[in-house]
Amino acid sequence: MEVALTERQQEQGLMFRKSLAPEGGMLFPMDPPRTASFWMKNTLIPLDMLFIHTDGSIAFLKANAAPYSREPVSAGIPVAAVLELRGGRAAELGIGEGDHVQWGDCTASAPASPLNFCPG
C-alpha cells in the first residue's frame, strides 16, 4: 500500500500506471479532514475509491471509476482519507459503505482483515 503524503504525491496519485497489483493501492490522508474530489484524468486503469470518515468508516464507495473520466468523484462531506484500489477489488474483498478500515500506525496485534490497510 502506497501513501500519498505530499501535495505533489496526491496530485500525481495513480495517474499513468498501466497496472496495479491485486493487493496494491494508494491512501490519501486528509489532515485536517476535508471534502475531497478526485477524477480519473490520465488514469489508465479502473479504480475503486473509498472515502473514509474520521472514525474509519467508509462514507462513500465509487466502484470501478472509469479510466480517463473527468467527472469529479466525491463523498460530498469532509473525510479523513481516500483509498484507491484496483477496480473491482472492494467487491472481491466484500468491502462496502459503512465498513470500518484501519491504516497508519498499525500494530502486529491488529486482526488480520482485508480492511486493515497498513503501509509496509
C-alpha atoms as a PDB file:
ATOM      1  CA  MET A   1       0.000   0.000   0.000  1.00  0.00           C
ATOM      2  CA  GLU A   2       1.410   3.373  -1.013  1.00  0.00           C
ATOM      3  CA  VAL A   3       0.676   6.542   0.943  1.00  0.00           C
ATOM      4  CA  ALA A   4       0.432   9.915  -0.815  1.00  0.00           C
ATOM      5  CA  LEU A   5       1.579  12.332   1.876  1.00  0.00           C
ATOM      6  CA  THR A   6       2.798  15.367  -0.054  1.00  0.00           C
ATOM      7  CA  GLU A   7       0.715  17.658  -2.219  1.00  0.00           C
ATOM      8  CA  ARG A   8       2.721  16.502  -5.254  1.00  0.00           C
ATOM      9  CA  GLN A   9       2.123  12.821  -4.443  1.00  0.00           C
ATOM     10  CA  GLN A  10      -1.585  13.488  -4.001  1.00  0.00           C
ATOM     11  CA  GLU A  11      -1.783  15.356  -7.321  1.00  0.00           C
ATOM     12  CA  GLN A  12       0.007  12.510  -9.146  1.00  0.00           C
ATOM     13  CA  GLY A  13      -1.854   9.674  -7.418  1.00  0.00           C
ATOM     14  CA  LEU A  14      -2.097   6.599  -9.638  1.00  0.00           C
ATOM     15  CA  MET A  15      -2.028   8.504 -12.928  1.00  0.00           C
ATOM     16  CA  PHE A  16      -0.146   6.887 -15.818  1.00  0.00           C
ATOM     17  CA  ARG A  17       0.061   3.482 -14.088  1.00  0.00           C
ATOM     18  CA  LYS A  18      -0.522   0.631 -16.538  1.00  0.00           C
ATOM     19  CA  SER A  19      -1.382  -1.861 -13.814  1.00  0.00           C
ATOM     20  CA  LEU A  20      -1.917  -2.210 -10.084  1.00  0.00           C
ATOM     21  CA  ALA A  21      -1.196  -5.357  -8.083  1.00  0.00           C
ATOM     22  CA  PRO A  22      -4.249  -7.033  -6.522  1.00  0.00           C
ATOM     23  CA  GLU A  23      -3.022  -6.055  -3.036  1.00  0.00           C
ATOM     24  CA  GLY A  24      -1.845  -2.633  -4.212  1.00  0.00           C
ATOM     25  CA  GLY A  25      -3.437   0.735  -3.756  1.00  0.00           C
ATOM     26  CA  MET A  26      -2.839   4.275  -2.606  1.00  0.00           C
ATOM     27  CA  LEU A  27      -4.023   6.001   0.557  1.00  0.00           C
ATOM     28  CA  PHE A  28      -4.576   9.770   0.528  1.00  0.00           C
ATOM     29  CA  PRO A  29      -4.686  11.036   4.145  1.00  0.00           C
ATOM     30  CA  MET A  30      -6.581  14.314   4.595  1.00  0.00           C
ATOM     31  CA  ASP A  31      -5.201  16.249   7.564  1.00  0.00           C
ATOM     32  CA  PRO A  32      -7.255  18.096   8.521  1.00  0.00           C
ATOM     33  CA  PRO A  33     -10.315  16.243   7.190  1.00  0.00           C
ATOM     34  CA  ARG A  34     -11.827  17.945   4.148  1.00  0.00           C
ATOM     35  CA  THR A  35     -14.169  17.422   1.236  1.00  0.00           C
ATOM     36  CA  ALA A  36     -12.058  15.589  -1.326  1.00  0.00           C
ATOM     37  CA  SER A  37     -12.802  15.434  -5.035  1.00  0.00           C
ATOM     38  CA  PHE A  38     -10.984  13.042  -7.372  1.00  0.00           C
ATOM     39  CA  TRP A  39     -11.090  12.426 -11.109  1.00  0.00           C
ATOM     40  CA  MET A  40      -9.626   9.821 -13.439  1.00  0.00           C
ATOM     41  CA  LYS A  41      -7.861  12.103 -15.932  1.00  0.00           C
ATOM     42  CA  ASN A  42      -4.663  10.366 -17.103  1.00  0.00           C
ATOM     43  CA  THR A  43      -5.553   7.279 -15.064  1.00  0.00           C
ATOM     44  CA  LEU A  44      -5.207   4.240 -17.302  1.00  0.00           C
ATOM     45  CA  ILE A  45      -6.884   1.614 -15.107  1.00  0.00           C
ATOM     46  CA  PRO A  46     -10.291   1.463 -13.377  1.00  0.00           C
ATOM     47  CA  LEU A  47     -10.167   2.214  -9.658  1.00  0.00           C
ATOM     48  CA  ASP A  48     -12.357   1.764  -6.603  1.00  0.00           C
ATOM     49  CA  MET A  49     -12.362   4.912  -4.444  1.00  0.00           C
ATOM     50  CA  LEU A  50     -13.200   4.584  -0.748  1.00  0.00           C
ATOM     51  CA  PHE A  51     -13.917   7.847   1.071  1.00  0.00           C
ATOM     52  CA  ILE A  52     -13.258   7.307   4.787  1.00  0.00           C
ATOM     53  CA  HIS A  53     -14.765   9.158   7.793  1.00  0.00           C
ATOM     54  CA  THR A  54     -12.604  10.167  10.756  1.00  0.00           C
ATOM     55  CA  ASP A  55     -13.951   7.133  12.680  1.00  0.00           C
ATOM     56  CA  GLY A  56     -12.609   4.806   9.963  1.00  0.00           C
ATOM     57  CA  SER A  57     -15.995   4.006   8.438  1.00  0.00           C
ATOM     58  CA  ILE A  58     -16.423   4.111   4.678  1.00  0.00           C
ATOM     59  CA  ALA A  59     -18.650   7.093   3.891  1.00  0.00           C
ATOM     60  CA  PHE A  60     -18.830   6.517   0.132  1.00  0.00           C
ATOM     61  CA  LEU A  61     -17.536   3.915  -2.296  1.00  0.00           C
ATOM     62  CA  LYS A  62     -17.167   4.624  -6.006  1.00  0.00           C
ATOM     63  CA  ALA A  63     -16.638   1.254  -7.672  1.00  0.00           C
ATOM     64  CA  ASN A  64     -14.798   0.880 -10.971  1.00  0.00           C
ATOM     65  CA  ALA A  65     -14.293   4.558 -11.726  1.00  0.00           C
ATOM     66  CA  ALA A  66     -13.789   4.762 -15.495  1.00  0.00           C
ATOM     67  CA  PRO A  67     -10.292   5.459 -16.836  1.00  0.00           C
ATOM     68  CA  TYR A  68      -9.737   8.952 -18.284  1.00  0.00           C
ATOM     69  CA  SER A  69     -13.035  10.298 -16.881  1.00  0.00           C
ATOM     70  CA  ARG A  70     -13.024  13.968 -15.944  1.00  0.00           C
ATOM     71  CA  GLU A  71     -16.204  13.562 -13.889  1.00  0.00           C
ATOM     72  CA  PRO A  72     -15.488  14.514 -10.261  1.00  0.00           C
ATOM     73  CA  VAL A  73     -15.928  11.802  -7.635  1.00  0.00           C
ATOM     74  CA  SER A  74     -16.589  12.947  -4.060  1.00  0.00           C
ATOM     75  CA  ALA A  75     -18.403  11.874  -0.912  1.00  0.00           C
ATOM     76  CA  GLY A  76     -19.670  15.455  -0.622  1.00  0.00           C
ATOM     77  CA  ILE A  77     -18.603  15.628   3.039  1.00  0.00           C
ATOM     78  CA  PRO A  78     -15.284  16.060   4.847  1.00  0.00           C
ATOM     79  CA  VAL A  79     -13.299  12.807   5.033  1.00  0.00           C
ATOM     80  CA  ALA A  80     -10.116  11.741   6.834  1.00  0.00           C
ATOM     81  CA  ALA A  81      -8.747   9.773   3.887  1.00  0.00           C
ATOM     82  CA  VAL A  82      -9.430   8.345   0.454  1.00  0.00           C
ATOM     83  CA  LEU A  83      -8.219   4.888  -0.512  1.00  0.00           C
ATOM     84  CA  GLU A  84      -7.815   3.909  -4.161  1.00  0.00           C
ATOM     85  CA  LEU A  85      -7.778   0.210  -5.036  1.00  0.00           C
ATOM     86  CA  ARG A  86      -7.709  -1.715  -8.309  1.00  0.00           C
ATOM     87  CA  GLY A  87     -11.169  -1.548  -9.888  1.00  0.00           C
ATOM     88  CA  GLY A  88     -13.391  -4.327  -8.538  1.00  0.00           C
ATOM     89  CA  ARG A  89     -11.131  -5.077  -5.563  1.00  0.00           C
ATOM     90  CA  ALA A  90     -13.585  -3.742  -2.972  1.00  0.00           C
ATOM     91  CA  ALA A  91     -16.263  -6.150  -4.230  1.00  0.00           C
ATOM     92  CA  GLU A  92     -13.744  -9.024  -4.262  1.00  0.00           C
ATOM     93  CA  LEU A  93     -12.972  -8.310  -0.606  1.00  0.00           C
ATOM     94  CA  GLY A  94     -16.620  -7.750   0.356  1.00  0.00           C
ATOM     95  CA  ILE A  95     -15.920  -4.138   1.354  1.00  0.00           C
ATOM     96  CA  GLY A  96     -18.795  -1.664   1.309  1.00  0.00           C
ATOM     97  CA  GLU A  97     -20.090   1.600   2.701  1.00  0.00           C
ATOM     98  CA  GLY A  98     -20.319   1.524   6.495  1.00  0.00           C
ATOM     99  CA  ASP A  99     -17.447  -0.951   6.909  1.00  0.00           C
ATOM    100  CA  HIS A 100     -14.521   0.223   9.023  1.00  0.00           C
ATOM    101  CA  VAL A 101     -10.923   0.368   7.829  1.00  0.00           C
ATOM    102  CA  GLN A 102      -7.643   0.802   9.679  1.00  0.00           C
ATOM    103  CA  TRP A 103      -4.496   2.474   8.412  1.00  0.00           C
ATOM    104  CA  GLY A 104      -1.476   4.321   9.673  1.00  0.00           C
ATOM    105  CA  ASP A 105       0.172   3.144  12.878  1.00  0.00           C
ATOM    106  CA  CYS A 106      -0.994  -0.457  12.628  1.00  0.00           C
ATOM    107  CA  THR A 107       0.348  -2.902  15.168  1.00  0.00           C
ATOM    108  CA  ALA A 108       1.023  -6.617  14.981  1.00  0.00           C
ATOM    109  CA  SER A 109      -1.964  -7.099  17.297  1.00  0.00           C
ATOM    110  CA  ALA A 110      -4.351  -5.753  14.659  1.00  0.00           C
ATOM    111  CA  PRO A 111      -6.600  -8.579  13.478  1.00  0.00           C
ATOM    112  CA  ALA A 112      -5.933  -9.994  10.026  1.00  0.00           C
ATOM    113  CA  SER A 113      -8.585  -8.486   7.791  1.00  0.00           C
ATOM    114  CA  PRO A 114      -8.900  -7.140   4.260  1.00  0.00           C
ATOM    115  CA  LEU A 115      -9.935  -3.874   5.946  1.00  0.00           C
ATOM    116  CA  ASN A 116      -6.504  -3.295   7.543  1.00  0.00           C
ATOM    117  CA  PHE A 117      -4.568  -1.156   5.067  1.00  0.00           C
ATOM    118  CA  CYS A 118      -1.261  -0.791   6.829  1.00  0.00           C
ATOM    119  CA  PRO A 119       1.624   0.540   4.757  1.00  0.00           C
ATOM    120  CA  GLY A 120       4.578  -1.783   4.991  1.00  0.00           C
END
